[in-house]
């Protein structure tokens, strides 16, 4: 197995099983386990549902990684040349934010609420968005190996 293929294989494994996205795994599994009082469906129906749900989640996951891959590819900038400078800029911003917080600044972040998470009736769009969120969280762990040179 050549070095580029080995790197692609290892990065792909890391994309699915990484410590950054691992925190979302219990939520995904809880969706399938459901509430104890829920009526049981036939094994065939449950298998079909599992295939549809996991396929929808995979499409959301792959969409994020595909878009990030296109952005990195189309940027036509070698990330390895820009990364050290970008790291310094991010570090300076974090130091400035830390100093501001020590002086009393409280950052506020308002996020949209897609659903309260109390119902399993969010349907396939909710599952797609879960795949998008899983991929977004996973990017912080998986982007460096994808950007590495073999």
Protein backbone atom coordinates (compact mmCIF):
# COMPACT_ATOMS: atom_id res chain seq x y z
CA UNK A 1 0.00 0.00 0.00
CA UNK A 2 1.48 3.32 -1.04
CA UNK A 3 1.93 6.22 1.36
CA UNK A 4 -0.87 8.37 -0.14
CA UNK A 5 -3.36 5.50 0.05
CA UNK A 6 -2.33 4.67 3.61
CA UNK A 7 -2.72 8.31 4.64
CA UNK A 8 -6.16 8.51 3.01
CA UNK A 9 -7.26 5.29 4.72
CA UNK A 10 -6.01 6.42 8.16
CA UNK A 11 -7.58 9.87 7.77
CA UNK A 12 -10.88 8.28 6.75
CA UNK A 13 -10.86 6.09 9.85
CA UNK A 14 -10.07 9.09 12.00
CA UNK A 15 -12.95 11.02 10.41
CA UNK A 16 -15.49 8.49 11.62
CA UNK A 17 -13.91 7.50 14.94
CA UNK A 18 -12.32 10.50 16.61
CA UNK A 19 -12.33 11.90 20.12
CA UNK A 20 -13.84 15.24 19.03
CA UNK A 21 -17.01 13.75 17.60
CA UNK A 22 -17.21 10.89 20.10
CA UNK A 23 -19.31 13.01 22.49
CA UNK A 24 -22.16 13.01 19.95
CA UNK A 25 -22.21 9.23 19.62
CA UNK A 26 -24.47 8.63 22.68
CA UNK A 27 -27.06 11.03 21.25
CA UNK A 28 -27.05 9.14 17.96
CA UNK A 29 -27.43 5.78 19.71
CA UNK A 30 -30.16 7.15 21.99
CA UNK A 31 -32.16 8.02 18.91
CA UNK A 32 -32.29 4.34 18.01
CA UNK A 33 -32.90 3.07 21.55
CA UNK A 34 -35.79 5.49 22.09
CA UNK A 35 -38.12 5.66 25.02
CA UNK A 36 -38.97 2.49 26.96
CA UNK A 37 -42.73 2.89 26.42
CA UNK A 38 -42.45 3.03 22.63
CA UNK A 39 -44.18 0.27 20.68
CA UNK A 40 -41.98 -2.34 19.04
CA UNK A 41 -41.80 -2.60 15.27
CA UNK A 42 -41.00 -5.64 13.18
CA UNK A 43 -37.32 -6.50 12.63
CA UNK A 44 -37.67 -5.82 8.90
CA UNK A 45 -39.16 -2.38 9.50
CA UNK A 46 -36.53 -1.56 12.14
CA UNK A 47 -33.74 -2.61 9.75
CA UNK A 48 -35.17 -0.47 6.95
CA UNK A 49 -35.47 2.50 9.29
CA UNK A 50 -31.88 2.03 10.46
CA UNK A 51 -30.63 1.99 6.87
CA UNK A 52 -32.54 5.15 5.95
CA UNK A 53 -31.48 7.03 9.09
CA UNK A 54 -27.81 6.02 8.88
CA UNK A 55 -27.75 6.81 5.15
CA UNK A 56 -29.22 10.27 5.78
CA UNK A 57 -26.71 10.94 8.55
CA UNK A 58 -23.89 9.81 6.25
CA UNK A 59 -25.04 12.19 3.51
CA UNK A 60 -24.91 15.10 5.98
CA UNK A 61 -21.47 14.01 7.20
CA UNK A 62 -20.11 13.58 3.67
CA UNK A 63 -21.57 16.91 2.55
CA UNK A 64 -19.57 18.81 5.17
CA UNK A 65 -16.34 16.99 4.40
CA UNK A 66 -16.93 17.41 0.66
CA UNK A 67 -17.49 21.16 1.02
CA UNK A 68 -14.40 21.56 3.21
CA UNK A 69 -12.39 19.48 0.72
CA UNK A 70 -13.54 21.68 -2.14
CA UNK A 71 -12.69 24.85 -0.23
CA UNK A 72 -9.21 23.59 0.60
CA UNK A 73 -8.64 22.38 -2.96
CA UNK A 74 -9.96 25.52 -4.63
CA UNK A 75 -8.06 27.83 -2.27
CA UNK A 76 -4.91 26.97 -4.26
CA UNK A 77 -2.80 27.88 -1.26
CA UNK A 78 -0.53 25.40 0.36
CA UNK A 79 -1.96 25.15 3.83
CA UNK A 80 1.38 24.11 5.27
CA UNK A 81 2.82 27.53 4.37
CA UNK A 82 -0.13 29.46 5.82
CA UNK A 83 -0.79 27.33 8.92
CA UNK A 84 2.07 28.66 11.10
CA UNK A 85 0.96 32.25 10.54
CA UNK A 86 -2.68 31.39 11.02
CA UNK A 87 -1.77 29.68 14.30
CA UNK A 88 -0.06 32.86 15.53
CA UNK A 89 -3.10 34.98 14.61
CA UNK A 90 -5.51 32.60 16.37
CA UNK A 91 -3.24 32.45 19.44
CA UNK A 92 -3.07 36.26 19.60
CA UNK A 93 -6.85 36.43 19.37
CA UNK A 94 -7.24 33.90 22.19
CA UNK A 95 -4.78 35.81 24.38
CA UNK A 96 -6.70 39.04 23.74
CA UNK A 97 -10.00 37.31 24.55
CA UNK A 98 -8.49 35.86 27.74
CA UNK A 99 -7.29 39.27 28.88
CA UNK A 100 -10.68 40.79 28.10
CA UNK A 101 -12.43 38.06 30.11
CA UNK A 102 -10.11 38.63 33.06
CA UNK A 103 -11.14 42.30 32.93
CA UNK A 104 -14.84 41.33 33.07
CA UNK A 105 -15.92 40.76 29.47
CA UNK A 106 -18.52 37.99 29.14
CA UNK A 107 -18.83 36.67 25.60
CA UNK A 108 -22.35 35.93 24.48
CA UNK A 109 -23.13 33.43 21.79
CA UNK A 110 -26.64 33.14 20.46
CA UNK A 111 -27.29 29.97 18.54
CA UNK A 112 -30.42 29.06 16.63
CA UNK A 113 -32.58 26.39 18.15
CA UNK A 114 -33.56 23.81 15.60
CA UNK A 115 -35.55 21.70 18.05
CA UNK A 116 -35.69 21.05 21.74
CA UNK A 117 -34.61 17.44 21.33
CA UNK A 118 -37.59 16.06 23.25
CA UNK A 119 -39.22 14.42 20.26
CA UNK A 120 -38.03 11.75 17.87
CA UNK A 121 -40.31 13.17 15.20
CA UNK A 122 -37.71 15.55 13.77
CA UNK A 123 -37.55 13.29 10.74
CA UNK A 124 -34.85 12.98 8.13
CA UNK A 125 -33.96 16.71 8.06
CA UNK A 126 -33.08 16.47 11.76
CA UNK A 127 -30.94 13.40 11.13
CA UNK A 128 -29.23 15.16 8.21
CA UNK A 129 -28.45 18.13 10.48
CA UNK A 130 -27.12 15.72 13.11
CA UNK A 131 -24.72 14.36 10.47
CA UNK A 132 -23.70 17.92 9.61
CA UNK A 133 -23.08 18.72 13.28
CA UNK A 134 -21.13 15.48 13.81
CA UNK A 135 -18.89 16.30 10.85
CA UNK A 136 -18.43 19.90 11.97
CA UNK A 137 -17.35 18.81 15.44
CA UNK A 138 -15.10 16.12 13.94
CA UNK A 139 -13.27 18.58 11.70
CA UNK A 140 -11.08 19.86 14.52
CA UNK A 141 -9.57 16.39 14.93
CA UNK A 142 -9.62 15.24 11.34
CA UNK A 143 -8.58 18.27 9.33
CA UNK A 144 -4.85 18.11 10.20
CA UNK A 145 -4.38 14.52 8.93
CA UNK A 146 -6.31 15.33 5.74
CA UNK A 147 -4.05 18.32 5.13
CA UNK A 148 -0.83 16.40 5.77
CA UNK A 149 1.62 15.47 3.06
CA UNK A 150 2.23 11.74 2.55
